[in-house]
Amino acid sequence: MKNAPAVPAYRQVKAHVLAQIHTGVWQEGDAIPGEEALARTFGVSRMTVNRALRELSDEQILERRQGSGTYVAQQKYQSTLVEIRNIADEIAARGHAHRSELHRLERVKANEALAQRLGVPPGSQVFHSVVVHFENGVPIQVEDRHVNPAVAPDYLAQDFATQTPNAYLMRVAPLKGVSFVIEAVLPPPAVAEMLAMPPSEPCLVLHRQTRSLGKVASVASLWHPASRYRFAGAF
């Protein structure tokens, strides 16, 4: 039997760094040992260590700061654009804990712009909710949603502490179509406060319209801190 090929030295360094992060020895924002210290630990050249850290930086596991050192990067929570998934399910799939806080659940009059997006006459009564979603205790999304009562007449009677608006709507109004736009903007003060972020930090905002039963079911603006969130997709 042939001997298994030796693991390249730079991969051994990468594996060590990842193990320290995954076991919680090094946490987000922590400085890790410098290249010289790691080179001595593994008995390799600084060039080898540099390659390992450079690759981990390219993979957004580490953050290298000029003149300061190398730090464990802040995790960017990820959402898919290809299919609409319940954010609670996405978080659970990562092995993390989801919780939500309901900030608003009310009936409002649709102005002209909102009425056009929902496909209802201006001045119509529509439902409005604001929910903050947390991943492992960190706020990662403010969900500001307006709902067409013709599609989900019992929306205001739901307990959104035990289920997400998305999960409820997908059950009562099966998805038949979706359109969305993403932009990077500075958050309003209220959104910044809910996301525990400075107003000077931009948000990634997903504006999404969903359709069901031949009508627009809801329109939502989903606000995410750009420093700790990203969108992904594959076709």
Protein backbone atom coordinates (compact mmCIF):
# COMPACT_ATOMS: atom_id res chain seq x y z
CA MET A 1 0.00 0.00 0.00
CA LYS A 2 1.33 3.41 -0.95
CA ASN A 3 1.95 5.88 1.82
CA ALA A 4 -0.49 8.75 1.92
CA PRO A 5 1.04 11.98 0.60
CA ALA A 6 2.25 14.34 3.28
CA VAL A 7 0.01 17.27 4.09
CA PRO A 8 1.66 20.49 2.86
CA ALA A 9 3.00 22.60 5.71
CA TYR A 10 0.84 25.62 4.90
CA ARG A 11 -2.28 23.45 5.15
CA GLN A 12 -1.18 22.26 8.58
CA VAL A 13 -0.95 25.88 9.66
CA LYS A 14 -4.41 26.59 8.21
CA ALA A 15 -5.88 23.58 9.98
CA HIS A 16 -4.40 24.75 13.29
CA VAL A 17 -5.81 28.26 12.91
CA LEU A 18 -9.25 26.93 11.95
CA ALA A 19 -9.25 24.53 14.90
CA GLN A 20 -8.44 27.36 17.31
CA ILE A 21 -11.34 29.39 15.90
CA HIS A 22 -13.88 26.57 15.74
CA THR A 23 -13.18 25.50 19.33
CA GLY A 24 -13.54 29.08 20.57
CA VAL A 25 -9.93 29.54 21.67
CA TRP A 26 -9.71 32.46 19.21
CA GLN A 27 -12.94 34.39 18.81
CA GLU A 28 -14.18 37.11 16.47
CA GLY A 29 -12.00 40.20 16.80
CA ASP A 30 -9.15 38.40 18.59
CA ALA A 31 -5.59 38.94 17.39
CA ILE A 32 -3.82 35.70 16.49
CA PRO A 33 -0.08 35.04 16.93
CA GLY A 34 2.18 36.73 14.40
CA GLU A 35 3.85 35.03 11.45
CA GLU A 36 7.17 34.66 13.27
CA ALA A 37 5.54 32.99 16.28
CA LEU A 38 3.56 30.57 14.09
CA ALA A 39 6.65 29.82 12.02
CA ARG A 40 8.55 28.87 15.19
CA THR A 41 5.65 26.75 16.45
CA PHE A 42 5.50 24.70 13.24
CA GLY A 43 9.16 24.85 12.34
CA VAL A 44 8.42 26.34 8.93
CA SER A 45 9.34 29.49 7.07
CA ARG A 46 7.44 32.76 7.40
CA MET A 47 6.61 32.42 3.71
CA THR A 48 4.72 29.20 4.48
CA VAL A 49 2.79 30.85 7.31
CA ASN A 50 2.13 33.89 5.14
CA ARG A 51 0.51 31.69 2.48
CA ALA A 52 -1.75 30.03 5.06
CA LEU A 53 -2.87 33.33 6.56
CA ARG A 54 -3.31 34.92 3.16
CA GLU A 55 -5.64 32.12 2.04
CA LEU A 56 -7.65 32.34 5.26
CA SER A 57 -7.93 36.08 4.72
CA ASP A 58 -9.15 35.53 1.15
CA GLU A 59 -11.75 33.12 2.59
CA GLN A 60 -12.85 35.87 5.05
CA ILE A 61 -11.87 33.76 8.06
CA LEU A 62 -9.12 36.20 9.06
CA GLU A 63 -8.69 39.93 8.64
CA ARG A 64 -5.19 41.32 8.08
CA ARG A 65 -4.69 44.91 9.18
CA GLN A 66 -1.69 46.79 7.88
CA GLY A 67 0.71 47.62 10.69
CA SER A 68 -1.55 46.05 13.32
CA GLY A 69 -1.61 42.28 12.82
CA THR A 70 -4.02 39.50 11.92
CA TYR A 71 -7.41 39.09 13.55
CA VAL A 72 -10.28 36.62 13.49
CA ALA A 73 -12.76 38.18 11.09
CA GLN A 74 -16.33 38.90 12.04
CA GLN A 75 -18.56 36.19 10.65
CA LYS A 76 -20.80 37.20 7.77
CA TYR A 77 -24.15 35.52 8.09
CA GLN A 78 -25.43 34.36 4.74
CA SER A 79 -28.78 34.32 2.98
CA THR A 80 -29.72 32.72 -0.30
CA LEU A 81 -31.35 34.61 -3.15
CA VAL A 82 -32.27 31.59 -5.24
CA GLU A 83 -35.09 30.39 -3.00
CA ILE A 84 -37.05 32.12 -0.29
CA ARG A 85 -36.26 30.35 2.94
CA ASN A 86 -37.42 31.00 6.45
CA ILE A 87 -34.59 32.87 8.19
CA ALA A 88 -35.11 30.69 11.27
CA ASP A 89 -34.46 27.60 9.12
CA GLU A 90 -31.34 29.15 7.59
CA ILE A 91 -29.95 29.92 11.03
CA ALA A 92 -30.80 26.44 12.33
CA ALA A 93 -29.05 24.91 9.31
CA ARG A 94 -25.85 26.63 10.47
CA GLY A 95 -26.26 25.07 13.91
CA HIS A 96 -27.06 28.43 15.46
CA ALA A 97 -29.91 29.70 17.62
CA HIS A 98 -32.62 31.98 16.21
CA ARG A 99 -34.88 34.26 18.14
CA SER A 100 -37.01 37.23 17.13
CA GLU A 101 -38.44 40.37 18.68
CA LEU A 102 -41.74 41.82 17.46
CA HIS A 103 -41.56 45.60 17.40
CA ARG A 104 -44.74 46.40 15.51
CA LEU A 105 -47.90 44.60 14.35
CA GLU A 106 -50.64 46.90 13.11
CA ARG A 107 -53.16 47.93 10.49
CA VAL A 108 -52.17 50.98 8.40
CA LYS A 109 -53.43 52.93 5.39
CA ALA A 110 -51.45 52.38 2.20
CA ASN A 111 -50.09 55.55 0.65
CA GLU A 112 -49.84 55.77 -3.13
CA ALA A 113 -46.35 54.25 -3.36
CA LEU A 114 -47.15 51.34 -1.05
CA ALA A 115 -50.54 50.77 -2.69
CA GLN A 116 -48.86 50.50 -6.08
CA ARG A 117 -46.37 47.94 -4.78
CA LEU A 118 -49.11 45.88 -3.11
CA GLY A 119 -51.55 46.20 -5.99
CA VAL A 120 -54.31 47.71 -3.83
CA PRO A 121 -56.18 51.05 -4.05
CA PRO A 122 -54.52 53.99 -2.27
CA GLY A 123 -55.89 54.43 1.24
CA SER A 124 -56.63 50.71 1.61
CA GLN A 125 -56.10 49.11 5.02
CA VAL A 126 -53.07 46.78 4.94
CA PHE A 127 -51.10 44.94 7.59
CA HIS A 128 -47.67 46.05 8.81
CA SER A 129 -45.10 44.25 10.94
CA VAL A 130 -41.56 44.98 12.09
CA VAL A 131 -39.54 42.05 13.43
CA VAL A 132 -35.87 41.88 14.45
CA HIS A 133 -34.17 38.52 13.90
CA PHE A 134 -31.18 37.40 15.98
CA GLU A 135 -28.55 34.74 15.32
CA ASN A 136 -26.79 33.52 18.47
CA GLY A 137 -27.96 36.69 20.19
CA VAL A 138 -26.65 39.02 17.45
CA PRO A 139 -29.24 41.12 15.55
CA ILE A 140 -28.78 40.39 11.84
CA GLN A 141 -32.03 41.45 10.19
CA VAL A 142 -34.80 43.99 10.59
CA GLU A 143 -37.82 42.71 8.66
CA ASP A 144 -40.18 45.57 7.76
CA ARG A 145 -43.14 43.97 5.98
CA HIS A 146 -46.52 45.06 4.57
CA VAL A 147 -49.09 42.37 3.83
CA ASN A 148 -52.14 42.28 1.60
CA PRO A 149 -55.15 41.35 3.82
CA ALA A 150 -56.87 39.69 0.86
CA VAL A 151 -54.12 37.05 0.84
CA ALA A 152 -53.53 36.65 4.61
CA PRO A 153 -56.61 37.95 6.46
CA ASP A 154 -55.52 36.52 9.84
CA TYR A 155 -52.02 38.03 9.78
CA LEU A 156 -52.57 40.31 12.79
CA ALA A 157 -53.72 37.38 14.93
CA GLN A 158 -50.42 35.49 14.64
CA ASP A 159 -47.79 35.05 17.34
CA PHE A 160 -44.56 36.06 15.63
CA ALA A 161 -42.52 35.16 18.68
CA THR A 162 -43.09 31.48 17.88
CA GLN A 163 -43.09 31.64 14.07
CA THR A 164 -41.69 34.04 11.51
CA PRO A 165 -43.94 36.06 9.18
CA ASN A 166 -42.30 34.24 6.26
CA ALA A 167 -43.18 30.81 7.66
CA TYR A 168 -46.80 31.85 8.20
CA LEU A 169 -47.19 33.41 4.75
CA MET A 170 -45.62 30.45 2.98
CA ARG A 171 -48.19 28.22 4.68
CA VAL A 172 -51.33 30.25 3.96
CA ALA A 173 -50.26 31.82 0.65
CA PRO A 174 -47.99 29.45 -1.32
CA LEU A 175 -45.41 31.38 -3.29
CA LYS A 176 -46.12 31.86 -7.00
CA GLY A 177 -43.64 34.59 -7.87
CA VAL A 178 -41.03 36.92 -6.45
CA SER A 179 -39.08 40.01 -7.47
CA PHE A 180 -36.35 41.79 -5.52
CA VAL A 181 -33.81 44.59 -5.53
CA ILE A 182 -30.72 44.88 -3.31
CA GLU A 183 -29.05 48.15 -2.38
CA ALA A 184 -26.48 49.41 0.09
CA VAL A 185 -27.75 52.40 2.09
CA LEU A 186 -27.27 54.04 5.45
CA PRO A 187 -29.94 52.89 7.92
CA PRO A 188 -32.54 55.17 9.50
CA PRO A 189 -31.77 55.76 13.20
CA ALA A 190 -34.52 53.37 14.33
CA VAL A 191 -33.13 50.53 12.19
CA ALA A 192 -29.57 51.21 13.32
CA GLU A 193 -30.70 51.03 16.94
CA MET A 194 -32.52 47.71 16.39
CA LEU A 195 -29.43 46.26 14.70
CA ALA A 196 -27.08 47.61 17.40
CA MET A 197 -24.92 49.36 14.80
CA PRO A 198 -23.74 52.93 14.21
CA PRO A 199 -25.87 54.95 11.74
CA SER A 200 -22.67 55.65 9.79
CA GLU A 201 -22.35 51.94 8.85
CA PRO A 202 -24.19 50.90 5.66
CA CYS A 203 -26.83 48.22 5.48
CA LEU A 204 -27.55 45.70 2.75
CA VAL A 205 -31.27 46.04 2.09
CA LEU A 206 -33.29 43.44 0.22
CA HIS A 207 -36.56 44.90 -1.09
CA ARG A 208 -38.75 41.92 -1.99
CA GLN A 209 -42.23 41.51 -3.44
CA THR A 210 -43.94 38.12 -3.26
CA ARG A 211 -47.03 37.00 -5.16
CA SER A 212 -49.62 34.33 -4.40
CA LEU A 213 -53.22 33.49 -5.33
CA GLY A 214 -53.04 35.87 -8.28
CA LYS A 215 -52.23 38.85 -6.04
CA VAL A 216 -49.26 40.55 -4.43
CA ALA A 217 -49.01 38.86 -1.04
CA SER A 218 -46.46 41.12 0.65
CA VAL A 219 -43.70 43.62 0.18
CA ALA A 220 -40.79 43.61 2.60
CA SER A 221 -37.61 45.56 3.23
CA LEU A 222 -35.04 43.34 4.96
CA TRP A 223 -32.23 45.37 6.55
CA HIS A 224 -28.88 43.68 7.33
CA PRO A 225 -25.62 45.14 8.74
CA ALA A 226 -23.22 45.03 5.78
CA SER A 227 -20.29 44.19 8.07
CA ARG A 228 -21.84 40.92 9.24
CA TYR A 229 -24.12 39.71 6.45
CA ARG A 230 -23.88 38.61 2.84
CA PHE A 231 -26.15 37.22 0.16
CA ALA A 232 -25.28 34.20 -1.96
CA GLY A 233 -26.78 32.21 -4.80
CA ALA A 234 -26.09 29.66 -7.48
CA PHE A 235 -27.88 28.80 -10.70
